[in-house]
Amino acid sequence: MEPEAFALPNLPGPGRPVVFDPEVCTGCNICVKFCTMDVLVPNPEKGKPPIILYPEECWYGGDCVSECPTPGAIELN
């Protein structure tokens, strides 16, 4: 049996680099692929928005937003 590993987001702080609309986001994880700072990780629940694991590391480059195929699913805060 292989050990399990879990990634949990940091506690909410004053900075939220991006905001997902869970009603619009399809959980395609394209934003995760294009995040240049590796701030986002795929959500283990299929169809849910990615997890913002390291919000303080974001440089607000916007690649995650511009590459998203679903308008309104993610925006820079």
PDB file of N, CA and C in Angstrom:
ATOM      1  N   MET A   1       0.830  -1.170   0.000  1.00  0.00           N
ATOM      2  CA  MET A   1       0.000   0.000   0.000  1.00  0.00           C
ATOM      3  C   MET A   1       0.886   1.248   0.000  1.00  0.00           C
ATOM      4  N   GLU A   2       0.619   2.157  -0.957  1.00  0.00           N
ATOM      5  CA  GLU A   2       1.412   3.377  -1.054  1.00  0.00           C
ATOM      6  C   GLU A   2       0.879   4.423  -0.088  1.00  0.00           C
ATOM      7  N   PRO A   3       1.778   5.213   0.500  1.00  0.00           N
ATOM      8  CA  PRO A   3       1.323   6.268   1.413  1.00  0.00           C
ATOM      9  C   PRO A   3       0.586   7.363   0.640  1.00  0.00           C
ATOM     10  N   GLU A   4      -0.365   8.008   1.294  1.00  0.00           N
ATOM     11  CA  GLU A   4      -1.108   9.095   0.683  1.00  0.00           C
ATOM     12  C   GLU A   4      -0.451  10.422   1.044  1.00  0.00           C
ATOM     13  N   ALA A   5      -0.556  11.397   0.150  1.00  0.00           N
ATOM     14  CA  ALA A   5      -0.045  12.739   0.401  1.00  0.00           C
ATOM     15  C   ALA A   5      -1.188  13.719   0.169  1.00  0.00           C
ATOM     16  N   PHE A   6      -1.271  14.700   1.018  1.00  0.00           N
ATOM     17  CA  PHE A   6      -2.318  15.699   0.902  1.00  0.00           C
ATOM     18  C   PHE A   6      -1.700  17.084   0.816  1.00  0.00           C
ATOM     19  N   ALA A   7      -2.314  17.959   0.016  1.00  0.00           N
ATOM     20  CA  ALA A   7      -1.900  19.358  -0.071  1.00  0.00           C
ATOM     21  C   ALA A   7      -3.084  20.195   0.373  1.00  0.00           C
ATOM     22  N   LEU A   8      -2.868  20.995   1.374  1.00  0.00           N
ATOM     23  CA  LEU A   8      -3.927  21.845   1.885  1.00  0.00           C
ATOM     24  C   LEU A   8      -3.568  23.299   1.631  1.00  0.00           C
ATOM     25  N   PRO A   9      -4.551  24.132   1.299  1.00  0.00           N
ATOM     26  CA  PRO A   9      -4.235  25.546   1.059  1.00  0.00           C
ATOM     27  C   PRO A   9      -3.825  26.251   2.341  1.00  0.00           C
ATOM     28  N   ASN A  10      -3.037  27.316   2.174  1.00  0.00           N
ATOM     29  CA  ASN A  10      -2.676  28.136   3.320  1.00  0.00           C
ATOM     30  C   ASN A  10      -3.929  28.777   3.895  1.00  0.00           C
ATOM     31  N   LEU A  11      -3.879  29.178   5.142  1.00  0.00           N
ATOM     32  CA  LEU A  11      -5.004  29.878   5.742  1.00  0.00           C
ATOM     33  C   LEU A  11      -5.272  31.165   4.968  1.00  0.00           C
ATOM     34  N   PRO A  12      -6.521  31.556   4.842  1.00  0.00           N
ATOM     35  CA  PRO A  12      -6.823  32.791   4.105  1.00  0.00           C
ATOM     36  C   PRO A  12      -6.111  33.989   4.723  1.00  0.00           C
ATOM     37  N   GLY A  13      -5.536  34.786   3.880  1.00  0.00           N
ATOM     38  CA  GLY A  13      -4.858  35.994   4.321  1.00  0.00           C
ATOM     39  C   GLY A  13      -5.448  37.187   3.596  1.00  0.00           C
ATOM     40  N   PRO A  14      -4.826  38.333   3.732  1.00  0.00           N
ATOM     41  CA  PRO A  14      -5.377  39.518   3.067  1.00  0.00           C
ATOM     42  C   PRO A  14      -5.238  39.479   1.551  1.00  0.00           C
ATOM     43  N   GLY A  15      -4.262  38.708   1.039  1.00  0.00           N
ATOM     44  CA  GLY A  15      -4.063  38.652  -0.397  1.00  0.00           C
ATOM     45  C   GLY A  15      -4.727  37.437  -1.030  1.00  0.00           C
ATOM     46  N   ARG A  16      -5.551  37.681  -2.019  1.00  0.00           N
ATOM     47  CA  ARG A  16      -6.132  36.605  -2.822  1.00  0.00           C
ATOM     48  C   ARG A  16      -5.799  36.952  -4.259  1.00  0.00           C
ATOM     49  N   PRO A  17      -4.769  36.330  -4.823  1.00  0.00           N
ATOM     50  CA  PRO A  17      -4.315  36.735  -6.154  1.00  0.00           C
ATOM     51  C   PRO A  17      -5.348  36.518  -7.249  1.00  0.00           C
ATOM     52  N   VAL A  18      -6.072  35.431  -7.170  1.00  0.00           N
ATOM     53  CA  VAL A  18      -7.109  35.155  -8.173  1.00  0.00           C
ATOM     54  C   VAL A  18      -8.383  34.720  -7.466  1.00  0.00           C
ATOM     55  N   VAL A  19      -9.477  34.920  -8.155  1.00  0.00           N
ATOM     56  CA  VAL A  19     -10.776  34.522  -7.627  1.00  0.00           C
ATOM     57  C   VAL A  19     -11.443  33.635  -8.680  1.00  0.00           C
ATOM     58  N   PHE A  20     -11.865  32.457  -8.258  1.00  0.00           N
ATOM     59  CA  PHE A  20     -12.572  31.542  -9.147  1.00  0.00           C
ATOM     60  C   PHE A  20     -14.070  31.689  -8.933  1.00  0.00           C
ATOM     61  N   ASP A  21     -14.836  31.579 -10.010  1.00  0.00           N
ATOM     62  CA  ASP A  21     -16.288  31.502  -9.909  1.00  0.00           C
ATOM     63  C   ASP A  21     -16.637  30.022 -10.027  1.00  0.00           C
ATOM     64  N   PRO A  22     -16.973  29.373  -8.922  1.00  0.00           N
ATOM     65  CA  PRO A  22     -17.223  27.928  -8.965  1.00  0.00           C
ATOM     66  C   PRO A  22     -18.432  27.538  -9.819  1.00  0.00           C
ATOM     67  N   GLU A  23     -19.298  28.511 -10.109  1.00  0.00           N
ATOM     68  CA  GLU A  23     -20.450  28.239 -10.975  1.00  0.00           C
ATOM     69  C   GLU A  23     -20.039  28.205 -12.449  1.00  0.00           C
ATOM     70  N   VAL A  24     -18.916  28.831 -12.771  1.00  0.00           N
ATOM     71  CA  VAL A  24     -18.462  28.935 -14.160  1.00  0.00           C
ATOM     72  C   VAL A  24     -17.270  28.014 -14.434  1.00  0.00           C
ATOM     73  N   CYS A  25     -16.362  27.897 -13.474  1.00  0.00           N
ATOM     74  CA  CYS A  25     -15.145  27.090 -13.650  1.00  0.00           C
ATOM     75  C   CYS A  25     -15.506  25.618 -13.843  1.00  0.00           C
ATOM     76  N   THR A  26     -14.909  25.022 -14.869  1.00  0.00           N
ATOM     77  CA  THR A  26     -15.169  23.607 -15.170  1.00  0.00           C
ATOM     78  C   THR A  26     -14.130  22.676 -14.565  1.00  0.00           C
ATOM     79  N   GLY A  27     -13.096  23.234 -13.946  1.00  0.00           N
ATOM     80  CA  GLY A  27     -12.048  22.408 -13.357  1.00  0.00           C
ATOM     81  C   GLY A  27     -11.127  21.797 -14.391  1.00  0.00           C
ATOM     82  N   CYS A  28     -10.940  22.480 -15.521  1.00  0.00           N
ATOM     83  CA  CYS A  28     -10.087  21.940 -16.597  1.00  0.00           C
ATOM     84  C   CYS A  28      -8.600  21.986 -16.235  1.00  0.00           C
ATOM     85  N   ASN A  29      -8.220  22.837 -15.278  1.00  0.00           N
ATOM     86  CA  ASN A  29      -6.845  22.968 -14.776  1.00  0.00           C
ATOM     87  C   ASN A  29      -5.850  23.548 -15.775  1.00  0.00           C
ATOM     88  N   ILE A  30      -6.338  24.195 -16.813  1.00  0.00           N
ATOM     89  CA  ILE A  30      -5.425  24.854 -17.753  1.00  0.00           C
ATOM     90  C   ILE A  30      -4.688  25.984 -17.051  1.00  0.00           C
ATOM     91  N   CYS A  31      -5.364  26.667 -16.133  1.00  0.00           N
ATOM     92  CA  CYS A  31      -4.711  27.750 -15.385  1.00  0.00           C
ATOM     93  C   CYS A  31      -3.545  27.214 -14.551  1.00  0.00           C
ATOM     94  N   VAL A  32      -3.685  26.001 -14.047  1.00  0.00           N
ATOM     95  CA  VAL A  32      -2.609  25.382 -13.268  1.00  0.00           C
ATOM     96  C   VAL A  32      -1.373  25.207 -14.155  1.00  0.00           C
ATOM     97  N   LYS A  33      -1.595  24.775 -15.376  1.00  0.00           N
ATOM     98  CA  LYS A  33      -0.496  24.548 -16.320  1.00  0.00           C
ATOM     99  C   LYS A  33       0.230  25.848 -16.665  1.00  0.00           C
ATOM    100  N   PHE A  34      -0.532  26.949 -16.804  1.00  0.00           N
ATOM    101  CA  PHE A  34       0.057  28.207 -17.240  1.00  0.00           C
ATOM    102  C   PHE A  34       0.521  29.110 -16.111  1.00  0.00           C
ATOM    103  N   CYS A  35       0.264  28.743 -14.865  1.00  0.00           N
ATOM    104  CA  CYS A  35       0.713  29.560 -13.729  1.00  0.00           C
ATOM    105  C   CYS A  35       2.240  29.505 -13.660  1.00  0.00           C
ATOM    106  N   THR A  36       2.875  30.647 -13.901  1.00  0.00           N
ATOM    107  CA  THR A  36       4.339  30.676 -13.946  1.00  0.00           C
ATOM    108  C   THR A  36       4.978  30.548 -12.574  1.00  0.00           C
ATOM    109  N   MET A  37       4.211  30.783 -11.510  1.00  0.00           N
ATOM    110  CA  MET A  37       4.762  30.719 -10.160  1.00  0.00           C
ATOM    111  C   MET A  37       4.345  29.447  -9.417  1.00  0.00           C
ATOM    112  N   ASP A  38       3.621  28.558 -10.071  1.00  0.00           N
ATOM    113  CA  ASP A  38       3.148  27.310  -9.452  1.00  0.00           C
ATOM    114  C   ASP A  38       2.366  27.569  -8.167  1.00  0.00           C
ATOM    115  N   VAL A  39       1.488  28.549  -8.221  1.00  0.00           N
ATOM    116  CA  VAL A  39       0.655  28.916  -7.087  1.00  0.00           C
ATOM    117  C   VAL A  39      -0.565  27.993  -6.990  1.00  0.00           C
ATOM    118  N   LEU A  40      -1.024  27.518  -8.140  1.00  0.00           N
ATOM    119  CA  LEU A  40      -2.243  26.710  -8.217  1.00  0.00           C
ATOM    120  C   LEU A  40      -1.933  25.224  -8.328  1.00  0.00           C
ATOM    121  N   VAL A  41      -2.778  24.420  -7.718  1.00  0.00           N
ATOM    122  CA  VAL A  41      -2.688  22.964  -7.858  1.00  0.00           C
ATOM    123  C   VAL A  41      -4.077  22.439  -8.203  1.00  0.00           C
ATOM    124  N   PRO A  42      -4.144  21.334  -8.964  1.00  0.00           N
ATOM    125  CA  PRO A  42      -5.448  20.776  -9.308  1.00  0.00           C
ATOM    126  C   PRO A  42      -6.227  20.359  -8.060  1.00  0.00           C
ATOM    127  N   ASN A  43      -7.518  20.576  -8.103  1.00  0.00           N
ATOM    128  CA  ASN A  43      -8.390  20.152  -7.018  1.00  0.00           C
ATOM    129  C   ASN A  43      -8.588  18.646  -7.128  1.00  0.00           C
ATOM    130  N   PRO A  44      -8.474  17.906  -6.040  1.00  0.00           N
ATOM    131  CA  PRO A  44      -8.681  16.456  -6.118  1.00  0.00           C
ATOM    132  C   PRO A  44     -10.122  16.083  -6.466  1.00  0.00           C
ATOM    133  N   GLU A  45     -11.061  17.020  -6.293  1.00  0.00           N
ATOM    134  CA  GLU A  45     -12.447  16.763  -6.682  1.00  0.00           C
ATOM    135  C   GLU A  45     -12.653  17.196  -8.121  1.00  0.00           C
ATOM    136  N   LYS A  46     -12.947  16.238  -8.986  1.00  0.00           N
ATOM    137  CA  LYS A  46     -13.121  16.510 -10.414  1.00  0.00           C
ATOM    138  C   LYS A  46     -14.211  17.557 -10.639  1.00  0.00           C
ATOM    139  N   GLY A  47     -13.921  18.524 -11.520  1.00  0.00           N
ATOM    140  CA  GLY A  47     -14.878  19.563 -11.853  1.00  0.00           C
ATOM    141  C   GLY A  47     -14.871  20.765 -10.930  1.00  0.00           C
ATOM    142  N   LYS A  48     -14.015  20.764  -9.909  1.00  0.00           N
ATOM    143  CA  LYS A  48     -13.925  21.883  -8.962  1.00  0.00           C
ATOM    144  C   LYS A  48     -12.759  22.796  -9.345  1.00  0.00           C
ATOM    145  N   PRO A  49     -12.844  24.086  -8.991  1.00  0.00           N
ATOM    146  CA  PRO A  49     -11.737  25.009  -9.294  1.00  0.00           C
ATOM    147  C   PRO A  49     -10.442  24.571  -8.607  1.00  0.00           C
ATOM    148  N   PRO A  50      -9.301  24.896  -9.210  1.00  0.00           N
ATOM    149  CA  PRO A  50      -8.014  24.569  -8.585  1.00  0.00           C
ATOM    150  C   PRO A  50      -7.883  25.203  -7.205  1.00  0.00           C
ATOM    151  N   ILE A  51      -6.961  24.678  -6.432  1.00  0.00           N
ATOM    152  CA  ILE A  51      -6.677  25.185  -5.094  1.00  0.00           C
ATOM    153  C   ILE A  51      -5.539  26.192  -5.200  1.00  0.00           C
ATOM    154  N   ILE A  52      -5.712  27.335  -4.550  1.00  0.00           N
ATOM    155  CA  ILE A  52      -4.647  28.339  -4.490  1.00  0.00           C
ATOM    156  C   ILE A  52      -3.784  27.964  -3.295  1.00  0.00           C
ATOM    157  N   LEU A  53      -2.686  27.290  -3.572  1.00  0.00           N
ATOM    158  CA  LEU A  53      -1.874  26.720  -2.502  1.00  0.00           C
ATOM    159  C   LEU A  53      -0.921  27.731  -1.875  1.00  0.00           C
ATOM    160  N   TYR A  54      -0.341  28.582  -2.676  1.00  0.00           N
ATOM    161  CA  TYR A  54       0.628  29.554  -2.174  1.00  0.00           C
ATOM    162  C   TYR A  54       0.272  30.956  -2.673  1.00  0.00           C
ATOM    163  N   PRO A  55      -0.779  31.580  -2.146  1.00  0.00           N
ATOM    164  CA  PRO A  55      -1.219  32.873  -2.678  1.00  0.00           C
ATOM    165  C   PRO A  55      -0.165  33.979  -2.564  1.00  0.00           C
ATOM    166  N   GLU A  56       0.659  33.921  -1.535  1.00  0.00           N
ATOM    167  CA  GLU A  56       1.659  34.980  -1.351  1.00  0.00           C
ATOM    168  C   GLU A  56       2.790  34.905  -2.379  1.00  0.00           C
ATOM    169  N   GLU A  57       2.866  33.821  -3.136  1.00  0.00           N
ATOM    170  CA  GLU A  57       3.912  33.658  -4.149  1.00  0.00           C
ATOM    171  C   GLU A  57       3.507  34.236  -5.505  1.00  0.00           C
ATOM    172  N   CYS A  58       2.248  34.618  -5.673  1.00  0.00           N
ATOM    173  CA  CYS A  58       1.752  35.105  -6.962  1.00  0.00           C
ATOM    174  C   CYS A  58       2.383  36.448  -7.321  1.00  0.00           C
ATOM    175  N   TRP A  59       2.776  36.580  -8.585  1.00  0.00           N
ATOM    176  CA  TRP A  59       3.338  37.835  -9.090  1.00  0.00           C
ATOM    177  C   TRP A  59       2.323  38.566  -9.958  1.00  0.00           C
ATOM    178  N   TYR A  60       1.079  38.096  -9.999  1.00  0.00           N
ATOM    179  CA  TYR A  60      -0.012  38.727 -10.745  1.00  0.00           C
ATOM    180  C   TYR A  60       0.316  38.892 -12.228  1.00  0.00           C
ATOM    181  N   GLY A  61       0.920  37.857 -12.807  1.00  0.00           N
ATOM    182  CA  GLY A  61       1.252  37.889 -14.224  1.00  0.00           C
ATOM    183  C   GLY A  61       0.026  37.775 -15.120  1.00  0.00           C
ATOM    184  N   GLY A  62      -0.977  37.053 -14.665  1.00  0.00           N
ATOM    185  CA  GLY A  62      -2.224  36.968 -15.414  1.00  0.00           C
ATOM    186  C   GLY A  62      -2.309  35.873 -16.455  1.00  0.00           C
ATOM    187  N   ASP A  63      -1.266  35.056 -16.600  1.00  0.00           N
ATOM    188  CA  ASP A  63      -1.326  33.976 -17.595  1.00  0.00           C
ATOM    189  C   ASP A  63      -2.474  33.012 -17.295  1.00  0.00           C
ATOM    190  N   CYS A  64      -2.726  32.776 -16.024  1.00  0.00           N
ATOM    191  CA  CYS A  64      -3.801  31.855 -15.652  1.00  0.00           C
ATOM    192  C   CYS A  64      -5.144  32.370 -16.161  1.00  0.00           C
ATOM    193  N   VAL A  65      -5.348  33.678 -16.100  1.00  0.00           N
ATOM    194  CA  VAL A  65      -6.612  34.276 -16.537  1.00  0.00           C
ATOM    195  C   VAL A  65      -6.689  34.313 -18.061  1.00  0.00           C
ATOM    196  N   SER A  66      -5.620  34.749 -18.704  1.00  0.00           N
ATOM    197  CA  SER A  66      -5.659  34.915 -20.163  1.00  0.00           C
ATOM    198  C   SER A  66      -5.737  33.587 -20.909  1.00  0.00           C
ATOM    199  N   GLU A  67      -5.255  32.510 -20.326  1.00  0.00           N
ATOM    200  CA  GLU A  67      -5.280  31.209 -20.995  1.00  0.00           C
ATOM    201  C   GLU A  67      -6.530  30.392 -20.671  1.00  0.00           C
ATOM    202  N   CYS A  68      -7.351  30.867 -19.753  1.00  0.00           N
ATOM    203  CA  CYS A  68      -8.559  30.131 -19.374  1.00  0.00           C
ATOM    204  C   CYS A  68      -9.534  30.106 -20.553  1.00  0.00           C
ATOM    205  N   PRO A  69     -10.012  28.912 -20.943  1.00  0.00           N
ATOM    206  CA  PRO A  69     -10.933  28.815 -22.076  1.00  0.00           C
ATOM    207  C   PRO A  69     -12.381  29.178 -21.722  1.00  0.00           C
ATOM    208  N   THR A  70     -12.677  29.363 -20.431  1.00  0.00           N
ATOM    209  CA  THR A  70     -14.037  29.664 -20.007  1.00  0.00           C
ATOM    210  C   THR A  70     -14.102  31.077 -19.452  1.00  0.00           C
ATOM    211  N   PRO A  71     -14.603  32.035 -20.228  1.00  0.00           N
ATOM    212  CA  PRO A  71     -14.665  33.420 -19.767  1.00  0.00           C
ATOM    213  C   PRO A  71     -15.424  33.541 -18.440  1.00  0.00           C
ATOM    214  N   GLY A  72     -14.826  34.302 -17.515  1.00  0.00           N
ATOM    215  CA  GLY A  72     -15.445  34.555 -16.231  1.00  0.00           C
ATOM    216  C   GLY A  72     -15.184  33.509 -15.167  1.00  0.00           C
ATOM    217  N   ALA A  73     -14.442  32.467 -15.503  1.00  0.00           N
ATOM    218  CA  ALA A  73     -14.160  31.416 -14.527  1.00  0.00           C
ATOM    219  C   ALA A  73     -13.110  31.833 -13.506  1.00  0.00           C
ATOM    220  N   ILE A  74     -12.165  32.683 -13.928  1.00  0.00           N
ATOM    221  CA  ILE A  74     -11.077  33.125 -13.059  1.00  0.00           C
ATOM    222  C   ILE A  74     -10.757  34.577 -13.390  1.00  0.00           C
ATOM    223  N   GLU A  75     -10.457  35.356 -12.358  1.00  0.00           N
ATOM    224  CA  GLU A  75     -10.042  36.733 -12.589  1.00  0.00           C
ATOM    225  C   GLU A  75      -8.991  37.125 -11.553  1.00  0.00           C
ATOM    226  N   LEU A  76      -8.125  38.060 -11.958  1.00  0.00           N
ATOM    227  CA  LEU A  76      -7.135  38.591 -11.022  1.00  0.00           C
ATOM    228  C   LEU A  76      -7.858  39.466 -10.016  1.00  0.00           C
ATOM    229  N   ASN A  77      -7.431  39.387  -8.790  1.00  0.00           N
ATOM    230  CA  ASN A  77      -8.057  40.173  -7.737  1.00  0.00           C
ATOM    231  C   ASN A  77      -7.276  41.468  -7.539  1.00  0.00           C
TER     232      ASN A  77
END
